[in-house]
PDB file of N, CA and C in Angstrom:
ATOM      1  N   MET A   1       8.963  37.958 -11.436  1.00  0.00           N
ATOM      2  CA  MET A   1       8.183  36.763 -11.706  1.00  0.00           C
ATOM      3  C   MET A   1       7.919  36.027 -10.386  1.00  0.00           C
ATOM      4  N   GLN A   2       6.734  35.537 -10.234  1.00  0.00           N
ATOM      5  CA  GLN A   2       6.314  34.841  -9.021  1.00  0.00           C
ATOM      6  C   GLN A   2       6.789  33.393  -9.011  1.00  0.00           C
ATOM      7  N   CYS A   3       6.934  32.820  -7.809  1.00  0.00           N
ATOM      8  CA  CYS A   3       7.239  31.396  -7.677  1.00  0.00           C
ATOM      9  C   CYS A   3       5.958  30.615  -7.943  1.00  0.00           C
ATOM     10  N   LYS A   4       6.103  29.478  -8.587  1.00  0.00           N
ATOM     11  CA  LYS A   4       4.945  28.638  -8.902  1.00  0.00           C
ATOM     12  C   LYS A   4       4.777  27.577  -7.819  1.00  0.00           C
ATOM     13  N   PRO A   5       3.532  27.304  -7.429  1.00  0.00           N
ATOM     14  CA  PRO A   5       3.313  26.252  -6.425  1.00  0.00           C
ATOM     15  C   PRO A   5       3.523  24.866  -7.041  1.00  0.00           C
ATOM     16  N   CYS A   6       4.005  23.957  -6.234  1.00  0.00           N
ATOM     17  CA  CYS A   6       4.086  22.567  -6.688  1.00  0.00           C
ATOM     18  C   CYS A   6       2.666  22.045  -6.830  1.00  0.00           C
ATOM     19  N   LEU A   7       2.427  21.265  -7.853  1.00  0.00           N
ATOM     20  CA  LEU A   7       1.100  20.712  -8.092  1.00  0.00           C
ATOM     21  C   LEU A   7       0.953  19.362  -7.404  1.00  0.00           C
ATOM     22  N   VAL A   8      -0.268  18.850  -7.332  1.00  0.00           N
ATOM     23  CA  VAL A   8      -0.497  17.536  -6.728  1.00  0.00           C
ATOM     24  C   VAL A   8       0.391  16.506  -7.421  1.00  0.00           C
ATOM     25  N   GLY A   9       0.885  15.544  -6.647  1.00  0.00           N
ATOM     26  CA  GLY A   9       1.772  14.517  -7.188  1.00  0.00           C
ATOM     27  C   GLY A   9       3.232  14.912  -7.193  1.00  0.00           C
ATOM     28  N   THR A  10       3.517  16.143  -6.710  1.00  0.00           N
ATOM     29  CA  THR A  10       4.907  16.628  -6.648  1.00  0.00           C
ATOM     30  C   THR A  10       5.142  17.285  -5.289  1.00  0.00           C
ATOM     31  N   ARG A  11       6.408  17.652  -5.029  1.00  0.00           N
ATOM     32  CA  ARG A  11       6.772  18.317  -3.784  1.00  0.00           C
ATOM     33  C   ARG A  11       8.027  19.157  -3.986  1.00  0.00           C
ATOM     34  N   ALA A  12       8.245  20.108  -3.074  1.00  0.00           N
ATOM     35  CA  ALA A  12       9.495  20.866  -3.006  1.00  0.00           C
ATOM     36  C   ALA A  12       9.854  20.940  -1.531  1.00  0.00           C
ATOM     37  N   SER A  13      10.836  20.174  -1.122  1.00  0.00           N
ATOM     38  CA  SER A  13      11.164  20.066   0.299  1.00  0.00           C
ATOM     39  C   SER A  13      12.163  21.116   0.783  1.00  0.00           C
ATOM     40  N   GLU A  14      12.765  21.848  -0.145  1.00  0.00           N
ATOM     41  CA  GLU A  14      13.753  22.855   0.255  1.00  0.00           C
ATOM     42  C   GLU A  14      13.440  24.198  -0.390  1.00  0.00           C
ATOM     43  N   GLU A  15      13.842  25.253   0.268  1.00  0.00           N
ATOM     44  CA  GLU A  15      13.674  26.583  -0.311  1.00  0.00           C
ATOM     45  C   GLU A  15      14.578  26.724  -1.524  1.00  0.00           C
ATOM     46  N   GLY A  16      14.126  27.477  -2.495  1.00  0.00           N
ATOM     47  CA  GLY A  16      14.958  27.800  -3.648  1.00  0.00           C
ATOM     48  C   GLY A  16      15.058  26.707  -4.700  1.00  0.00           C
ATOM     49  N   GLN A  17      14.192  25.736  -4.666  1.00  0.00           N
ATOM     50  CA  GLN A  17      14.236  24.693  -5.701  1.00  0.00           C
ATOM     51  C   GLN A  17      13.801  25.278  -7.043  1.00  0.00           C
ATOM     52  N   ALA A  18      14.464  24.861  -8.113  1.00  0.00           N
ATOM     53  CA  ALA A  18      14.138  25.340  -9.451  1.00  0.00           C
ATOM     54  C   ALA A  18      12.960  24.579 -10.051  1.00  0.00           C
ATOM     55  N   THR A  19      12.708  23.362  -9.552  1.00  0.00           N
ATOM     56  CA  THR A  19      11.591  22.541 -10.041  1.00  0.00           C
ATOM     57  C   THR A  19      10.996  21.755  -8.879  1.00  0.00           C
ATOM     58  N   SER A  20       9.818  21.236  -9.090  1.00  0.00           N
ATOM     59  CA  SER A  20       9.192  20.338  -8.110  1.00  0.00           C
ATOM     60  C   SER A  20       9.704  18.926  -8.355  1.00  0.00           C
ATOM     61  N   ASP A  21       9.807  18.140  -7.297  1.00  0.00           N
ATOM     62  CA  ASP A  21      10.187  16.731  -7.412  1.00  0.00           C
ATOM     63  C   ASP A  21       8.921  15.897  -7.518  1.00  0.00           C
ATOM     64  N   VAL A  22       8.935  14.935  -8.398  1.00  0.00           N
ATOM     65  CA  VAL A  22       7.791  14.037  -8.573  1.00  0.00           C
ATOM     66  C   VAL A  22       7.788  13.026  -7.433  1.00  0.00           C
ATOM     67  N   CYS A  23       6.607  12.740  -6.878  1.00  0.00           N
ATOM     68  CA  CYS A  23       6.489  11.714  -5.837  1.00  0.00           C
ATOM     69  C   CYS A  23       6.850  10.354  -6.432  1.00  0.00           C
ATOM     70  N   GLN A  24       7.656   9.610  -5.720  1.00  0.00           N
ATOM     71  CA  GLN A  24       8.119   8.302  -6.175  1.00  0.00           C
ATOM     72  C   GLN A  24       7.067   7.223  -5.911  1.00  0.00           C
ATOM     73  N   PRO A  25       7.169   6.052  -6.564  1.00  0.00           N
ATOM     74  CA  PRO A  25       6.237   4.953  -6.284  1.00  0.00           C
ATOM     75  C   PRO A  25       6.197   4.648  -4.777  1.00  0.00           C
ATOM     76  N   GLY A  26       5.001   4.315  -4.287  1.00  0.00           N
ATOM     77  CA  GLY A  26       4.827   4.059  -2.864  1.00  0.00           C
ATOM     78  C   GLY A  26       4.510   5.320  -2.075  1.00  0.00           C
ATOM     79  N   ARG A  27       4.484   6.468  -2.756  1.00  0.00           N
ATOM     80  CA  ARG A  27       4.211   7.761  -2.130  1.00  0.00           C
ATOM     81  C   ARG A  27       3.208   8.544  -2.974  1.00  0.00           C
ATOM     82  N   TYR A  28       2.617   9.572  -2.365  1.00  0.00           N
ATOM     83  CA  TYR A  28       1.660  10.398  -3.078  1.00  0.00           C
ATOM     84  C   TYR A  28       1.624  11.800  -2.475  1.00  0.00           C
ATOM     85  N   SER A  29       1.049  12.735  -3.213  1.00  0.00           N
ATOM     86  CA  SER A  29       0.799  14.086  -2.728  1.00  0.00           C
ATOM     87  C   SER A  29      -0.567  14.497  -3.261  1.00  0.00           C
ATOM     88  N   ALA A  30      -1.513  14.725  -2.366  1.00  0.00           N
ATOM     89  CA  ALA A  30      -2.888  15.034  -2.762  1.00  0.00           C
ATOM     90  C   ALA A  30      -3.196  16.531  -2.725  1.00  0.00           C
ATOM     91  N   VAL A  31      -2.218  17.350  -2.359  1.00  0.00           N
ATOM     92  CA  VAL A  31      -2.460  18.792  -2.249  1.00  0.00           C
ATOM     93  C   VAL A  31      -1.415  19.580  -3.035  1.00  0.00           C
ATOM     94  N   ASP A  32      -1.798  20.781  -3.461  1.00  0.00           N
ATOM     95  CA  ASP A  32      -0.839  21.705  -4.056  1.00  0.00           C
ATOM     96  C   ASP A  32       0.099  22.205  -2.961  1.00  0.00           C
ATOM     97  N   LYS A  33       1.259  22.686  -3.334  1.00  0.00           N
ATOM     98  CA  LYS A  33       2.245  23.276  -2.420  1.00  0.00           C
ATOM     99  C   LYS A  33       2.759  22.281  -1.385  1.00  0.00           C
ATOM    100  N   ALA A  34       2.893  21.023  -1.749  1.00  0.00           N
ATOM    101  CA  ALA A  34       3.365  20.002  -0.808  1.00  0.00           C
ATOM    102  C   ALA A  34       4.861  20.161  -0.538  1.00  0.00           C
ATOM    103  N   VAL A  35       5.228  19.943   0.714  1.00  0.00           N
ATOM    104  CA  VAL A  35       6.628  19.959   1.123  1.00  0.00           C
ATOM    105  C   VAL A  35       7.183  18.536   1.091  1.00  0.00           C
ATOM    106  N   ALA A  36       6.296  17.544   1.273  1.00  0.00           N
ATOM    107  CA  ALA A  36       6.714  16.143   1.288  1.00  0.00           C
ATOM    108  C   ALA A  36       5.652  15.284   0.608  1.00  0.00           C
ATOM    109  N   CYS A  37       6.084  14.163   0.065  1.00  0.00           N
ATOM    110  CA  CYS A  37       5.169  13.159  -0.455  1.00  0.00           C
ATOM    111  C   CYS A  37       4.914  12.171   0.679  1.00  0.00           C
ATOM    112  N   GLU A  38       3.671  11.832   0.893  1.00  0.00           N
ATOM    113  CA  GLU A  38       3.284  10.917   1.969  1.00  0.00           C
ATOM    114  C   GLU A  38       3.468   9.465   1.533  1.00  0.00           C
ATOM    115  N   LEU A  39       3.848   8.608   2.477  1.00  0.00           N
ATOM    116  CA  LEU A  39       3.920   7.174   2.212  1.00  0.00           C
ATOM    117  C   LEU A  39       2.511   6.607   2.149  1.00  0.00           C
ATOM    118  N   CYS A  40       2.280   5.647   1.269  1.00  0.00           N
ATOM    119  CA  CYS A  40       0.995   4.951   1.247  1.00  0.00           C
ATOM    120  C   CYS A  40       0.824   4.230   2.584  1.00  0.00           C
ATOM    121  N   SER A  41      -0.379   4.257   3.128  1.00  0.00           N
ATOM    122  CA  SER A  41      -0.683   3.582   4.394  1.00  0.00           C
ATOM    123  C   SER A  41      -0.680   2.076   4.207  1.00  0.00           C
ATOM    124  N   ARG A  42      -0.673   1.342   5.338  1.00  0.00           N
ATOM    125  CA  ARG A  42      -0.805  -0.125   5.268  1.00  0.00           C
ATOM    126  C   ARG A  42      -2.140  -0.443   4.618  1.00  0.00           C
ATOM    127  N   GLY A  43      -2.140  -1.418   3.720  1.00  0.00           N
ATOM    128  CA  GLY A  43      -3.353  -1.785   3.006  1.00  0.00           C
ATOM    129  C   GLY A  43      -3.503  -1.059   1.677  1.00  0.00           C
ATOM    130  N   TYR A  44      -2.528  -0.214   1.346  1.00  0.00           N
ATOM    131  CA  TYR A  44      -2.542   0.551   0.102  1.00  0.00           C
ATOM    132  C   TYR A  44      -1.185   0.425  -0.584  1.00  0.00           C
ATOM    133  N   TYR A  45      -1.150   0.680  -1.883  1.00  0.00           N
ATOM    134  CA  TYR A  45       0.094   0.641  -2.650  1.00  0.00           C
ATOM    135  C   TYR A  45      -0.008   1.631  -3.801  1.00  0.00           C
ATOM    136  N   GLN A  46       1.101   1.990  -4.402  1.00  0.00           N
ATOM    137  CA  GLN A  46       1.113   2.869  -5.567  1.00  0.00           C
ATOM    138  C   GLN A  46       2.337   2.556  -6.418  1.00  0.00           C
ATOM    139  N   PRO A  47       2.125   1.947  -7.604  1.00  0.00           N
ATOM    140  CA  PRO A  47       3.252   1.590  -8.469  1.00  0.00           C
ATOM    141  C   PRO A  47       3.777   2.738  -9.340  1.00  0.00           C
ATOM    142  N   GLU A  48       3.011   3.818  -9.445  1.00  0.00           N
ATOM    143  CA  GLU A  48       3.375   4.902 -10.366  1.00  0.00           C
ATOM    144  C   GLU A  48       3.974   6.090  -9.629  1.00  0.00           C
ATOM    145  N   GLU A  49       4.782   6.868 -10.339  1.00  0.00           N
ATOM    146  CA  GLU A  49       5.303   8.099  -9.750  1.00  0.00           C
ATOM    147  C   GLU A  49       4.353   9.248 -10.085  1.00  0.00           C
ATOM    148  N   GLY A  50       4.436  10.315  -9.313  1.00  0.00           N
ATOM    149  CA  GLY A  50       3.601  11.490  -9.551  1.00  0.00           C
ATOM    150  C   GLY A  50       2.142  11.282  -9.180  1.00  0.00           C
ATOM    151  N   SER A  51       1.874  10.412  -8.221  1.00  0.00           N
ATOM    152  CA  SER A  51       0.500  10.057  -7.882  1.00  0.00           C
ATOM    153  C   SER A  51      -0.119  11.015  -6.868  1.00  0.00           C
ATOM    154  N   THR A  52      -1.446  11.093  -6.928  1.00  0.00           N
ATOM    155  CA  THR A  52      -2.197  11.939  -6.010  1.00  0.00           C
ATOM    156  C   THR A  52      -2.918  11.109  -4.950  1.00  0.00           C
ATOM    157  N   ASN A  53      -2.829   9.784  -5.042  1.00  0.00           N
ATOM    158  CA  ASN A  53      -3.439   8.896  -4.049  1.00  0.00           C
ATOM    159  C   ASN A  53      -2.806   7.511  -4.172  1.00  0.00           C
ATOM    160  N   CYS A  54      -3.205   6.624  -3.290  1.00  0.00           N
ATOM    161  CA  CYS A  54      -2.715   5.248  -3.327  1.00  0.00           C
ATOM    162  C   CYS A  54      -3.869   4.319  -3.652  1.00  0.00           C
ATOM    163  N   LYS A  55      -3.559   3.176  -4.212  1.00  0.00           N
ATOM    164  CA  LYS A  55      -4.571   2.183  -4.573  1.00  0.00           C
ATOM    165  C   LYS A  55      -4.810   1.247  -3.398  1.00  0.00           C
ATOM    166  N   THR A  56      -6.049   0.821  -3.252  1.00  0.00           N
ATOM    167  CA  THR A  56      -6.430  -0.062  -2.154  1.00  0.00           C
ATOM    168  C   THR A  56      -6.082  -1.507  -2.491  1.00  0.00           C
ATOM    169  N   SER A  57      -5.501  -2.226  -1.546  1.00  0.00           N
ATOM    170  CA  SER A  57      -5.276  -3.662  -1.715  1.00  0.00           C
ATOM    171  C   SER A  57      -6.636  -4.343  -1.846  1.00  0.00           C
ATOM    172  N   LYS A  58      -6.646  -5.503  -2.476  1.00  0.00           N
ATOM    173  CA  LYS A  58      -7.906  -6.223  -2.649  1.00  0.00           C
ATOM    174  C   LYS A  58      -8.573  -6.485  -1.310  1.00  0.00           C
ATOM    175  N   SER A  59      -9.869  -6.635  -1.351  1.00  0.00           N
ATOM    176  CA  SER A  59     -10.692  -6.805  -0.161  1.00  0.00           C
ATOM    177  C   SER A  59     -10.096  -7.822   0.823  1.00  0.00           C
ATOM    178  N   GLY A  60      -9.928  -7.375   2.074  1.00  0.00           N
ATOM    179  CA  GLY A  60      -9.433  -8.253   3.119  1.00  0.00           C
ATOM    180  C   GLY A  60      -7.923  -8.357   3.202  1.00  0.00           C
ATOM    181  N   LYS A  61      -7.206  -7.728   2.266  1.00  0.00           N
ATOM    182  CA  LYS A  61      -5.745  -7.817   2.277  1.00  0.00           C
ATOM    183  C   LYS A  61      -5.136  -6.548   2.851  1.00  0.00           C
ATOM    184  N   THR A  62      -3.914  -6.656   3.339  1.00  0.00           N
ATOM    185  CA  THR A  62      -3.166  -5.518   3.852  1.00  0.00           C
ATOM    186  C   THR A  62      -1.737  -5.606   3.314  1.00  0.00           C
ATOM    187  N   THR A  63      -0.885  -4.693   3.728  1.00  0.00           N
ATOM    188  CA  THR A  63       0.526  -4.722   3.326  1.00  0.00           C
ATOM    189  C   THR A  63       1.385  -4.757   4.583  1.00  0.00           C
ATOM    190  N   GLN A  64       2.583  -5.262   4.462  1.00  0.00           N
ATOM    191  CA  GLN A  64       3.501  -5.415   5.594  1.00  0.00           C
ATOM    192  C   GLN A  64       3.896  -4.067   6.185  1.00  0.00           C
ATOM    193  N   SER A  65       4.103  -3.077   5.322  1.00  0.00           N
ATOM    194  CA  SER A  65       4.621  -1.803   5.806  1.00  0.00           C
ATOM    195  C   SER A  65       4.040  -0.633   5.020  1.00  0.00           C
ATOM    196  N   LEU A  66       4.418   0.555   5.413  1.00  0.00           N
ATOM    197  CA  LEU A  66       4.037   1.766   4.697  1.00  0.00           C
ATOM    198  C   LEU A  66       4.823   1.852   3.393  1.00  0.00           C
ATOM    199  N   GLY A  67       4.270   2.532   2.405  1.00  0.00           N
ATOM    200  CA  GLY A  67       5.000   2.798   1.165  1.00  0.00           C
ATOM    201  C   GLY A  67       5.103   1.630   0.206  1.00  0.00           C
ATOM    202  N   SER A  68       4.135   0.736   0.223  1.00  0.00           N
ATOM    203  CA  SER A  68       4.176  -0.409  -0.698  1.00  0.00           C
ATOM    204  C   SER A  68       4.000   0.067  -2.140  1.00  0.00           C
ATOM    205  N   ILE A  69       4.650  -0.635  -3.046  1.00  0.00           N
ATOM    206  CA  ILE A  69       4.678  -0.231  -4.449  1.00  0.00           C
ATOM    207  C   ILE A  69       3.806  -1.128  -5.327  1.00  0.00           C
ATOM    208  N   GLN A  70       3.753  -2.412  -5.052  1.00  0.00           N
ATOM    209  CA  GLN A  70       3.059  -3.365  -5.919  1.00  0.00           C
ATOM    210  C   GLN A  70       1.906  -4.060  -5.197  1.00  0.00           C
ATOM    211  N   PRO A  71       0.852  -4.450  -5.940  1.00  0.00           N
ATOM    212  CA  PRO A  71      -0.229  -5.213  -5.321  1.00  0.00           C
ATOM    213  C   PRO A  71       0.258  -6.567  -4.805  1.00  0.00           C
ATOM    214  N   SER A  72       1.348  -7.063  -5.351  1.00  0.00           N
ATOM    215  CA  SER A  72       1.900  -8.348  -4.892  1.00  0.00           C
ATOM    216  C   SER A  72       2.446  -8.246  -3.461  1.00  0.00           C
ATOM    217  N   GLN A  73       2.596  -7.029  -2.928  1.00  0.00           N
ATOM    218  CA  GLN A  73       3.048  -6.847  -1.552  1.00  0.00           C
ATOM    219  C   GLN A  73       1.884  -6.969  -0.567  1.00  0.00           C
ATOM    220  N   SER A  74       0.675  -7.186  -1.090  1.00  0.00           N
ATOM    221  CA  SER A  74      -0.511  -7.347  -0.246  1.00  0.00           C
ATOM    222  C   SER A  74      -0.679  -8.804   0.144  1.00  0.00           C
ATOM    223  N   TYR A  75      -1.206  -9.020   1.336  1.00  0.00           N
ATOM    224  CA  TYR A  75      -1.458 -10.381   1.809  1.00  0.00           C
ATOM    225  C   TYR A  75      -2.673 -10.360   2.723  1.00  0.00           C
ATOM    226  N   TRP A  76      -3.225 -11.522   2.967  1.00  0.00           N
ATOM    227  CA  TRP A  76      -4.349 -11.623   3.895  1.00  0.00           C
ATOM    228  C   TRP A  76      -3.820 -11.691   5.305  1.00  0.00           C
ATOM    229  N   GLU A  77      -4.165 -10.720   6.132  1.00  0.00           N
ATOM    230  CA  GLU A  77      -3.788 -10.751   7.533  1.00  0.00           C
ATOM    231  C   GLU A  77      -4.646 -11.803   8.249  1.00  0.00           C
ATOM    232  N   GLN A  78      -5.873 -11.917   7.797  1.00  0.00           N
ATOM    233  CA  GLN A  78      -6.767 -12.977   8.255  1.00  0.00           C
ATOM    234  C   GLN A  78      -7.301 -13.669   7.012  1.00  0.00           C
ATOM    235  N   CYS A  79      -7.328 -14.981   7.023  1.00  0.00           N
ATOM    236  CA  CYS A  79      -7.899 -15.700   5.883  1.00  0.00           C
ATOM    237  C   CYS A  79      -9.422 -15.627   5.961  1.00  0.00           C
ATOM    238  N   PRO A  80     -10.068 -15.368   4.839  1.00  0.00           N
ATOM    239  CA  PRO A  80     -11.523 -15.342   4.832  1.00  0.00           C
ATOM    240  C   PRO A  80     -12.085 -16.765   4.919  1.00  0.00           C
ATOM    241  N   PRO A  81     -13.375 -16.894   5.223  1.00  0.00           N
ATOM    242  CA  PRO A  81     -13.980 -18.227   5.239  1.00  0.00           C
ATOM    243  C   PRO A  81     -13.684 -18.967   3.931  1.00  0.00           C
ATOM    244  N   SER A  82     -13.507 -20.254   4.010  1.00  0.00           N
ATOM    245  CA  SER A  82     -13.183 -21.186   2.913  1.00  0.00           C
ATOM    246  C   SER A  82     -11.708 -21.159   2.507  1.00  0.00           C
ATOM    247  N   PHE A  83     -10.876 -20.388   3.236  1.00  0.00           N
ATOM    248  CA  PHE A  83      -9.436 -20.358   2.996  1.00  0.00           C
ATOM    249  C   PHE A  83      -8.707 -20.705   4.291  1.00  0.00           C
ATOM    250  N   LYS A  84      -7.459 -21.170   4.170  1.00  0.00           N
ATOM    251  CA  LYS A  84      -6.640 -21.474   5.344  1.00  0.00           C
ATOM    252  C   LYS A  84      -5.228 -20.945   5.115  1.00  0.00           C
ATOM    253  N   HIS A  85      -4.509 -20.711   6.216  1.00  0.00           N
ATOM    254  CA  HIS A  85      -3.117 -20.289   6.111  1.00  0.00           C
ATOM    255  C   HIS A  85      -2.245 -21.502   5.798  1.00  0.00           C
ATOM    256  N   VAL A  86      -1.159 -21.245   5.072  1.00  0.00           N
ATOM    257  CA  VAL A  86      -0.226 -22.305   4.710  1.00  0.00           C
ATOM    258  C   VAL A  86       0.993 -22.220   5.614  1.00  0.00           C
ATOM    259  N   ASN A  87       1.218 -23.238   6.424  1.00  0.00           N
ATOM    260  CA  ASN A  87       2.404 -23.328   7.283  1.00  0.00           C
ATOM    261  C   ASN A  87       2.682 -22.068   8.081  1.00  0.00           C
ATOM    262  N   GLY A  88       1.627 -21.389   8.563  1.00  0.00           N
ATOM    263  CA  GLY A  88       1.811 -20.206   9.386  1.00  0.00           C
ATOM    264  C   GLY A  88       2.277 -18.980   8.626  1.00  0.00           C
ATOM    265  N   GLU A  89       2.321 -19.029   7.307  1.00  0.00           N
ATOM    266  CA  GLU A  89       2.773 -17.892   6.517  1.00  0.00           C
ATOM    267  C   GLU A  89       1.626 -16.922   6.278  1.00  0.00           C
ATOM    268  N   GLN A  90       1.955 -15.765   5.733  1.00  0.00           N
ATOM    269  CA  GLN A  90       0.946 -14.756   5.411  1.00  0.00           C
ATOM    270  C   GLN A  90       0.360 -15.031   4.038  1.00  0.00           C
ATOM    271  N   MET A  91      -0.052 -16.257   3.796  1.00  0.00           N
ATOM    272  CA  MET A  91      -0.621 -16.628   2.509  1.00  0.00           C
ATOM    273  C   MET A  91      -1.819 -17.529   2.758  1.00  0.00           C
ATOM    274  N   CYS A  92      -2.902 -17.294   2.049  1.00  0.00           N
ATOM    275  CA  CYS A  92      -4.105 -18.108   2.212  1.00  0.00           C
ATOM    276  C   CYS A  92      -4.355 -18.914   0.947  1.00  0.00           C
ATOM    277  N   VAL A  93      -4.796 -20.135   1.131  1.00  0.00           N
ATOM    278  CA  VAL A  93      -5.178 -20.986  -0.002  1.00  0.00           C
ATOM    279  C   VAL A  93      -6.559 -21.562   0.291  1.00  0.00           C
ATOM    280  N   LYS A  94      -7.267 -21.894  -0.771  1.00  0.00           N
ATOM    281  CA  LYS A  94      -8.602 -22.464  -0.613  1.00  0.00           C
ATOM    282  C   LYS A  94      -8.520 -23.800   0.107  1.00  0.00           C
ATOM    283  N   CYS A  95      -9.536 -24.075   0.915  1.00  0.00           N
ATOM    284  CA  CYS A  95      -9.613 -25.375   1.582  1.00  0.00           C
ATOM    285  C   CYS A  95      -9.752 -26.469   0.532  1.00  0.00           C
ATOM    286  N   GLU A  96      -9.168 -27.634   0.842  1.00  0.00           N
ATOM    287  CA  GLU A  96      -9.225 -28.756  -0.078  1.00  0.00           C
ATOM    288  C   GLU A  96     -10.673 -29.240  -0.222  1.00  0.00           C
ATOM    289  N   GLN A  97     -10.880 -29.963  -1.300  1.00  0.00           N
ATOM    290  CA  GLN A  97     -12.178 -30.592  -1.515  1.00  0.00           C
ATOM    291  C   GLN A  97     -12.488 -31.477  -0.310  1.00  0.00           C
ATOM    292  N   SER A  98     -13.685 -31.517   0.144  1.00  0.00           N
ATOM    293  CA  SER A  98     -14.188 -32.280   1.283  1.00  0.00           C
ATOM    294  C   SER A  98     -13.810 -31.655   2.631  1.00  0.00           C
ATOM    295  N   SER A  99     -13.355 -30.387   2.648  1.00  0.00           N
ATOM    296  CA  SER A  99     -13.072 -29.686   3.905  1.00  0.00           C
ATOM    297  C   SER A  99     -13.578 -28.255   3.793  1.00  0.00           C
ATOM    298  N   PHE A 100     -13.707 -27.586   4.946  1.00  0.00           N
ATOM    299  CA  PHE A 100     -14.172 -26.203   4.933  1.00  0.00           C
ATOM    300  C   PHE A 100     -13.641 -25.450   6.148  1.00  0.00           C
ATOM    301  N   ARG A 101     -13.737 -24.136   6.108  1.00  0.00           N
ATOM    302  CA  ARG A 101     -13.406 -23.260   7.234  1.00  0.00           C
ATOM    303  C   ARG A 101     -14.443 -22.153   7.192  1.00  0.00           C
ATOM    304  N   ASP A 102     -15.200 -21.978   8.255  1.00  0.00           N
ATOM    305  CA  ASP A 102     -16.302 -21.023   8.244  1.00  0.00           C
ATOM    306  C   ASP A 102     -16.033 -19.740   9.028  1.00  0.00           C
ATOM    307  N   ILE A 103     -14.790 -19.539   9.509  1.00  0.00           N
ATOM    308  CA  ILE A 103     -14.455 -18.310  10.241  1.00  0.00           C
ATOM    309  C   ILE A 103     -13.154 -17.738   9.695  1.00  0.00           C
ATOM    310  N   ASN A 104     -12.929 -16.448   9.978  1.00  0.00           N
ATOM    311  CA  ASN A 104     -11.644 -15.817   9.630  1.00  0.00           C
ATOM    312  C   ASN A 104     -10.573 -16.384  10.544  1.00  0.00           C
ATOM    313  N   THR A 105      -9.378 -16.596  10.011  1.00  0.00           N
ATOM    314  CA  THR A 105      -8.288 -17.127  10.821  1.00  0.00           C
ATOM    315  C   THR A 105      -7.036 -16.291  10.652  1.00  0.00           C
ATOM    316  N   ARG A 106      -6.195 -16.301  11.664  1.00  0.00           N
ATOM    317  CA  ARG A 106      -4.887 -15.652  11.618  1.00  0.00           C
ATOM    318  C   ARG A 106      -3.828 -16.745  11.497  1.00  0.00           C
ATOM    319  N   PRO A 107      -2.649 -16.409  10.951  1.00  0.00           N
ATOM    320  CA  PRO A 107      -1.601 -17.422  10.880  1.00  0.00           C
ATOM    321  C   PRO A 107      -1.144 -17.837  12.272  1.00  0.00           C
ATOM    322  N   GLU A 108      -0.809 -19.102  12.425  1.00  0.00           N
ATOM    323  CA  GLU A 108      -0.277 -19.576  13.707  1.00  0.00           C
ATOM    324  C   GLU A 108       1.149 -19.069  13.856  1.00  0.00           C
ATOM    325  N   SER A 109       1.555 -18.900  15.094  1.00  0.00           N
ATOM    326  CA  SER A 109       2.915 -18.470  15.374  1.00  0.00           C
ATOM    327  C   SER A 109       3.809 -19.702  15.497  1.00  0.00           C
ATOM    328  N   HIS A 110       4.882 -19.745  14.702  1.00  0.00           N
ATOM    329  CA  HIS A 110       5.838 -20.856  14.760  1.00  0.00           C
ATOM    330  C   HIS A 110       7.174 -20.313  15.231  1.00  0.00           C
ATOM    331  N   GLU A 111       7.370 -20.257  16.528  1.00  0.00           N
ATOM    332  CA  GLU A 111       8.613 -19.678  17.063  1.00  0.00           C
ATOM    333  C   GLU A 111       9.612 -20.743  17.396  1.00  0.00           C
TER     334      GLU A 111
END
């Protein structure tokens, strides 16, 4: 009997495995016969196991690190026009009534 290839969304990292391992959340495998599941890139996340790709963070947002699992791990690296950073954090809020911001901004450094 022949060995079966691991299918997309799974991997076999060692010789002689009896089954393929499912890719965990934050990782994916887009090819058959994968040896490893890849981490989702910055700006992407994947909450499900056995995935063949990662989901894109909402427009203009990124993630702190590779392998993000939830969309809540996404943040604005630059605030879009009409938003401002709050106390130098990686969070943007709409400008108050009677004020505006017409350019992208980065959080200030508070060292």
